[in-house]
């Protein structure tokens, strides 16, 4: 029997975690920001970008006992498990 994923809950948790994680970055947003690499679109990755991405990955990783996913990013591929059942 398959377990139904409550995507509304997962995405709501992502939103809350992103808001919490980027709060420190908001305080310094008007100051020069270091470049932390190049994003998938070719633009510079800033601290707020990294904080938001990490916050989403944390929630998806916590929820991954219900599903498996591949995360494709400019820094490389990350699997939540070796036996992938679905791809996000």
N, C-alpha and C. Protein backbone atom coordinates (compact mmCIF):
# COMPACT_ATOMS: atom_id res chain seq x y z
N UNK A 1 0.84 -1.18 0.00
CA UNK A 1 0.00 0.00 0.00
C UNK A 1 0.88 1.25 0.00
N UNK A 2 0.59 2.16 -0.90
CA UNK A 2 1.38 3.38 -0.99
C UNK A 2 0.91 4.40 0.05
N UNK A 3 1.86 5.11 0.59
CA UNK A 3 1.56 6.20 1.51
C UNK A 3 1.34 7.47 0.70
N UNK A 4 0.26 8.15 0.96
CA UNK A 4 -0.01 9.40 0.27
C UNK A 4 0.85 10.51 0.89
N UNK A 5 1.44 11.29 0.04
CA UNK A 5 2.27 12.41 0.50
C UNK A 5 1.39 13.65 0.59
N UNK A 6 1.43 14.30 1.71
CA UNK A 6 0.69 15.55 1.88
C UNK A 6 1.58 16.69 1.39
N UNK A 7 1.51 16.93 0.07
CA UNK A 7 2.38 17.93 -0.54
C UNK A 7 2.12 19.33 0.00
N UNK A 8 0.87 19.62 0.34
CA UNK A 8 0.57 20.93 0.89
C UNK A 8 1.34 21.14 2.20
N UNK A 9 1.40 20.10 3.02
CA UNK A 9 2.15 20.18 4.28
C UNK A 9 3.65 20.30 4.01
N UNK A 10 4.17 19.49 3.10
CA UNK A 10 5.60 19.53 2.78
C UNK A 10 5.98 20.92 2.27
N UNK A 11 5.19 21.46 1.34
CA UNK A 11 5.52 22.77 0.77
C UNK A 11 5.32 23.89 1.78
N UNK A 12 4.36 23.75 2.66
CA UNK A 12 4.16 24.73 3.73
C UNK A 12 5.37 24.73 4.67
N UNK A 13 5.88 23.54 4.98
CA UNK A 13 7.08 23.44 5.81
C UNK A 13 8.28 24.05 5.09
N UNK A 14 8.38 23.85 3.78
CA UNK A 14 9.46 24.47 3.00
C UNK A 14 9.38 25.99 3.12
N UNK A 15 8.20 26.53 2.94
CA UNK A 15 8.02 27.99 3.02
C UNK A 15 8.44 28.52 4.38
N UNK A 16 7.97 27.87 5.44
CA UNK A 16 8.31 28.31 6.80
C UNK A 16 9.81 28.23 7.05
N UNK A 17 10.42 27.14 6.60
CA UNK A 17 11.85 26.96 6.83
C UNK A 17 12.67 27.97 6.02
N UNK A 18 12.23 28.28 4.80
CA UNK A 18 12.93 29.29 4.00
C UNK A 18 12.84 30.64 4.69
N UNK A 19 11.64 31.03 5.11
CA UNK A 19 11.49 32.33 5.78
C UNK A 19 12.38 32.44 7.01
N UNK A 20 12.43 31.38 7.80
CA UNK A 20 13.27 31.38 9.00
C UNK A 20 14.76 31.44 8.63
N UNK A 21 15.14 30.70 7.60
CA UNK A 21 16.55 30.59 7.23
C UNK A 21 17.11 31.84 6.57
N UNK A 22 16.27 32.58 5.85
CA UNK A 22 16.79 33.77 5.15
C UNK A 22 16.70 35.04 5.99
N UNK A 23 16.07 34.95 7.15
CA UNK A 23 15.91 36.13 8.00
C UNK A 23 17.25 36.83 8.29
N UNK A 24 18.30 36.11 8.68
CA UNK A 24 19.58 36.80 8.92
C UNK A 24 20.12 37.48 7.66
N UNK A 25 19.86 36.92 6.50
CA UNK A 25 20.34 37.50 5.24
C UNK A 25 19.61 38.79 4.90
N UNK A 26 18.35 38.88 5.31
CA UNK A 26 17.55 40.09 5.03
C UNK A 26 18.14 41.32 5.71
N UNK A 27 18.77 41.10 6.85
CA UNK A 27 19.31 42.23 7.61
C UNK A 27 20.49 42.89 6.91
N UNK A 28 21.17 42.14 6.05
CA UNK A 28 22.36 42.67 5.38
C UNK A 28 22.20 42.75 3.87
N UNK A 29 20.96 42.67 3.38
CA UNK A 29 20.72 42.59 1.94
C UNK A 29 21.21 43.83 1.18
N UNK A 30 21.24 44.98 1.83
CA UNK A 30 21.67 46.21 1.16
C UNK A 30 23.19 46.38 1.15
N UNK A 31 23.88 45.50 1.86
CA UNK A 31 25.35 45.52 1.88
C UNK A 31 25.88 44.62 0.76
N UNK A 32 27.13 44.86 0.34
CA UNK A 32 27.71 43.98 -0.68
C UNK A 32 27.71 42.53 -0.19
N UNK A 33 27.32 41.63 -1.08
CA UNK A 33 27.21 40.21 -0.74
C UNK A 33 28.30 39.42 -1.46
N UNK A 34 28.89 38.44 -0.80
CA UNK A 34 29.90 37.62 -1.47
C UNK A 34 29.25 36.70 -2.51
N UNK A 35 29.99 36.41 -3.55
CA UNK A 35 29.55 35.42 -4.52
C UNK A 35 29.95 34.05 -4.01
N UNK A 36 28.99 33.13 -3.96
CA UNK A 36 29.23 31.79 -3.43
C UNK A 36 29.26 30.74 -4.53
N UNK A 37 29.44 31.18 -5.74
CA UNK A 37 29.44 30.25 -6.87
C UNK A 37 28.51 30.76 -7.95
N UNK A 38 28.31 29.95 -8.95
CA UNK A 38 27.45 30.31 -10.06
C UNK A 38 26.20 29.45 -10.01
N UNK A 39 25.04 30.10 -10.10
CA UNK A 39 23.77 29.38 -10.09
C UNK A 39 23.52 28.69 -11.42
N UNK A 40 22.46 27.89 -11.46
CA UNK A 40 22.13 27.13 -12.67
C UNK A 40 21.85 28.04 -13.85
N UNK A 41 21.34 29.24 -13.59
CA UNK A 41 21.04 30.19 -14.65
C UNK A 41 22.24 31.03 -15.05
N UNK A 42 23.38 30.79 -14.42
CA UNK A 42 24.59 31.53 -14.75
C UNK A 42 24.82 32.76 -13.90
N UNK A 43 23.88 33.07 -13.01
CA UNK A 43 24.04 34.24 -12.14
C UNK A 43 24.82 33.85 -10.89
N UNK A 44 25.26 34.86 -10.17
CA UNK A 44 26.03 34.61 -8.95
C UNK A 44 25.12 34.15 -7.82
N UNK A 45 25.54 33.12 -7.10
CA UNK A 45 24.79 32.64 -5.94
C UNK A 45 25.20 33.48 -4.74
N UNK A 46 24.22 34.02 -4.06
CA UNK A 46 24.44 34.87 -2.89
C UNK A 46 24.04 34.11 -1.62
N UNK A 47 24.41 34.63 -0.44
CA UNK A 47 24.06 33.94 0.81
C UNK A 47 22.58 33.64 0.96
N UNK A 48 21.70 34.55 0.53
CA UNK A 48 20.27 34.31 0.64
C UNK A 48 19.84 33.15 -0.25
N UNK A 49 20.42 33.05 -1.43
CA UNK A 49 20.11 31.93 -2.34
C UNK A 49 20.49 30.61 -1.69
N UNK A 50 21.68 30.56 -1.13
CA UNK A 50 22.16 29.33 -0.50
C UNK A 50 21.32 28.97 0.72
N UNK A 51 20.94 29.96 1.53
CA UNK A 51 20.12 29.70 2.71
C UNK A 51 18.76 29.15 2.32
N UNK A 52 18.15 29.71 1.29
CA UNK A 52 16.83 29.25 0.84
C UNK A 52 16.93 27.83 0.26
N UNK A 53 17.94 27.60 -0.56
CA UNK A 53 18.12 26.27 -1.15
C UNK A 53 18.33 25.21 -0.06
N UNK A 54 19.18 25.52 0.89
CA UNK A 54 19.46 24.58 1.98
C UNK A 54 18.21 24.31 2.81
N UNK A 55 17.41 25.34 3.04
CA UNK A 55 16.18 25.18 3.83
C UNK A 55 15.21 24.23 3.13
N UNK A 56 15.09 24.33 1.81
CA UNK A 56 14.20 23.45 1.06
C UNK A 56 14.74 22.03 1.05
N UNK A 57 16.03 21.89 0.81
CA UNK A 57 16.65 20.55 0.80
C UNK A 57 16.47 19.87 2.15
N UNK A 58 16.61 20.62 3.24
CA UNK A 58 16.44 20.05 4.58
C UNK A 58 15.05 19.45 4.76
N UNK A 59 14.02 20.17 4.34
CA UNK A 59 12.64 19.68 4.49
C UNK A 59 12.40 18.47 3.59
N UNK A 60 12.86 18.54 2.34
CA UNK A 60 12.67 17.41 1.43
C UNK A 60 13.40 16.17 1.93
N UNK A 61 14.58 16.38 2.49
CA UNK A 61 15.34 15.25 3.03
C UNK A 61 14.62 14.63 4.23
N UNK A 62 14.05 15.47 5.09
CA UNK A 62 13.29 14.96 6.24
C UNK A 62 12.06 14.17 5.78
N UNK A 63 11.44 14.62 4.69
CA UNK A 63 10.22 13.96 4.18
C UNK A 63 10.54 12.79 3.27
N UNK A 64 11.80 12.55 2.97
CA UNK A 64 12.16 11.57 1.94
C UNK A 64 11.94 10.12 2.38
N UNK A 65 11.50 9.89 3.62
CA UNK A 65 11.15 8.52 3.97
C UNK A 65 9.83 8.14 3.30
N UNK A 66 9.11 9.11 2.71
CA UNK A 66 7.89 8.86 1.96
C UNK A 66 8.14 8.78 0.45
N UNK A 67 9.26 9.32 -0.01
CA UNK A 67 9.57 9.32 -1.44
C UNK A 67 11.07 9.49 -1.61
N UNK A 68 11.55 9.24 -2.79
CA UNK A 68 12.96 9.43 -3.13
C UNK A 68 13.04 10.50 -4.20
N UNK A 69 14.13 11.23 -4.22
CA UNK A 69 14.25 12.27 -5.23
C UNK A 69 15.69 12.47 -5.66
N UNK A 70 15.82 12.99 -6.86
CA UNK A 70 17.11 13.48 -7.37
C UNK A 70 17.04 14.99 -7.32
N UNK A 71 18.08 15.60 -6.83
CA UNK A 71 18.17 17.05 -6.83
C UNK A 71 19.26 17.40 -7.82
N UNK A 72 18.88 18.07 -8.89
CA UNK A 72 19.84 18.48 -9.91
C UNK A 72 20.15 19.95 -9.68
N UNK A 73 21.41 20.23 -9.41
CA UNK A 73 21.83 21.60 -9.17
C UNK A 73 23.13 21.86 -9.91
N UNK A 74 23.49 23.11 -10.01
CA UNK A 74 24.69 23.45 -10.76
C UNK A 74 25.94 22.85 -10.12
N UNK A 75 25.88 22.55 -8.81
CA UNK A 75 27.02 21.97 -8.11
C UNK A 75 27.07 20.45 -8.26
N UNK A 76 26.09 19.87 -8.90
CA UNK A 76 26.09 18.42 -9.12
C UNK A 76 24.79 17.78 -8.70
N UNK A 77 24.72 16.48 -8.86
CA UNK A 77 23.52 15.70 -8.59
C UNK A 77 23.56 15.15 -7.18
N UNK A 78 22.43 15.19 -6.51
CA UNK A 78 22.33 14.62 -5.16
C UNK A 78 21.13 13.69 -5.13
N UNK A 79 21.31 12.48 -4.67
CA UNK A 79 20.23 11.50 -4.53
C UNK A 79 19.82 11.42 -3.08
N UNK A 80 18.51 11.29 -2.85
CA UNK A 80 18.06 11.08 -1.49
C UNK A 80 18.18 9.63 -1.10
N UNK A 81 18.31 8.75 -2.09
CA UNK A 81 18.50 7.32 -1.83
C UNK A 81 19.04 6.68 -3.10
N UNK A 82 19.62 5.52 -2.97
CA UNK A 82 20.17 4.85 -4.14
C UNK A 82 19.08 4.26 -5.02
N UNK A 83 18.01 3.79 -4.43
CA UNK A 83 16.90 3.21 -5.18
C UNK A 83 15.82 4.28 -5.37
N UNK A 84 15.89 5.01 -6.45
CA UNK A 84 14.98 6.13 -6.66
C UNK A 84 13.63 5.65 -7.15
N UNK A 85 12.57 6.08 -6.48
CA UNK A 85 11.22 5.72 -6.89
C UNK A 85 10.55 6.85 -7.67
N UNK A 86 10.85 8.07 -7.35
CA UNK A 86 10.30 9.18 -8.11
C UNK A 86 11.32 10.29 -8.17
N UNK A 87 11.21 11.13 -9.14
CA UNK A 87 12.16 12.20 -9.35
C UNK A 87 11.42 13.52 -9.25
N UNK A 88 11.96 14.44 -8.47
CA UNK A 88 11.39 15.79 -8.37
C UNK A 88 12.17 16.70 -9.28
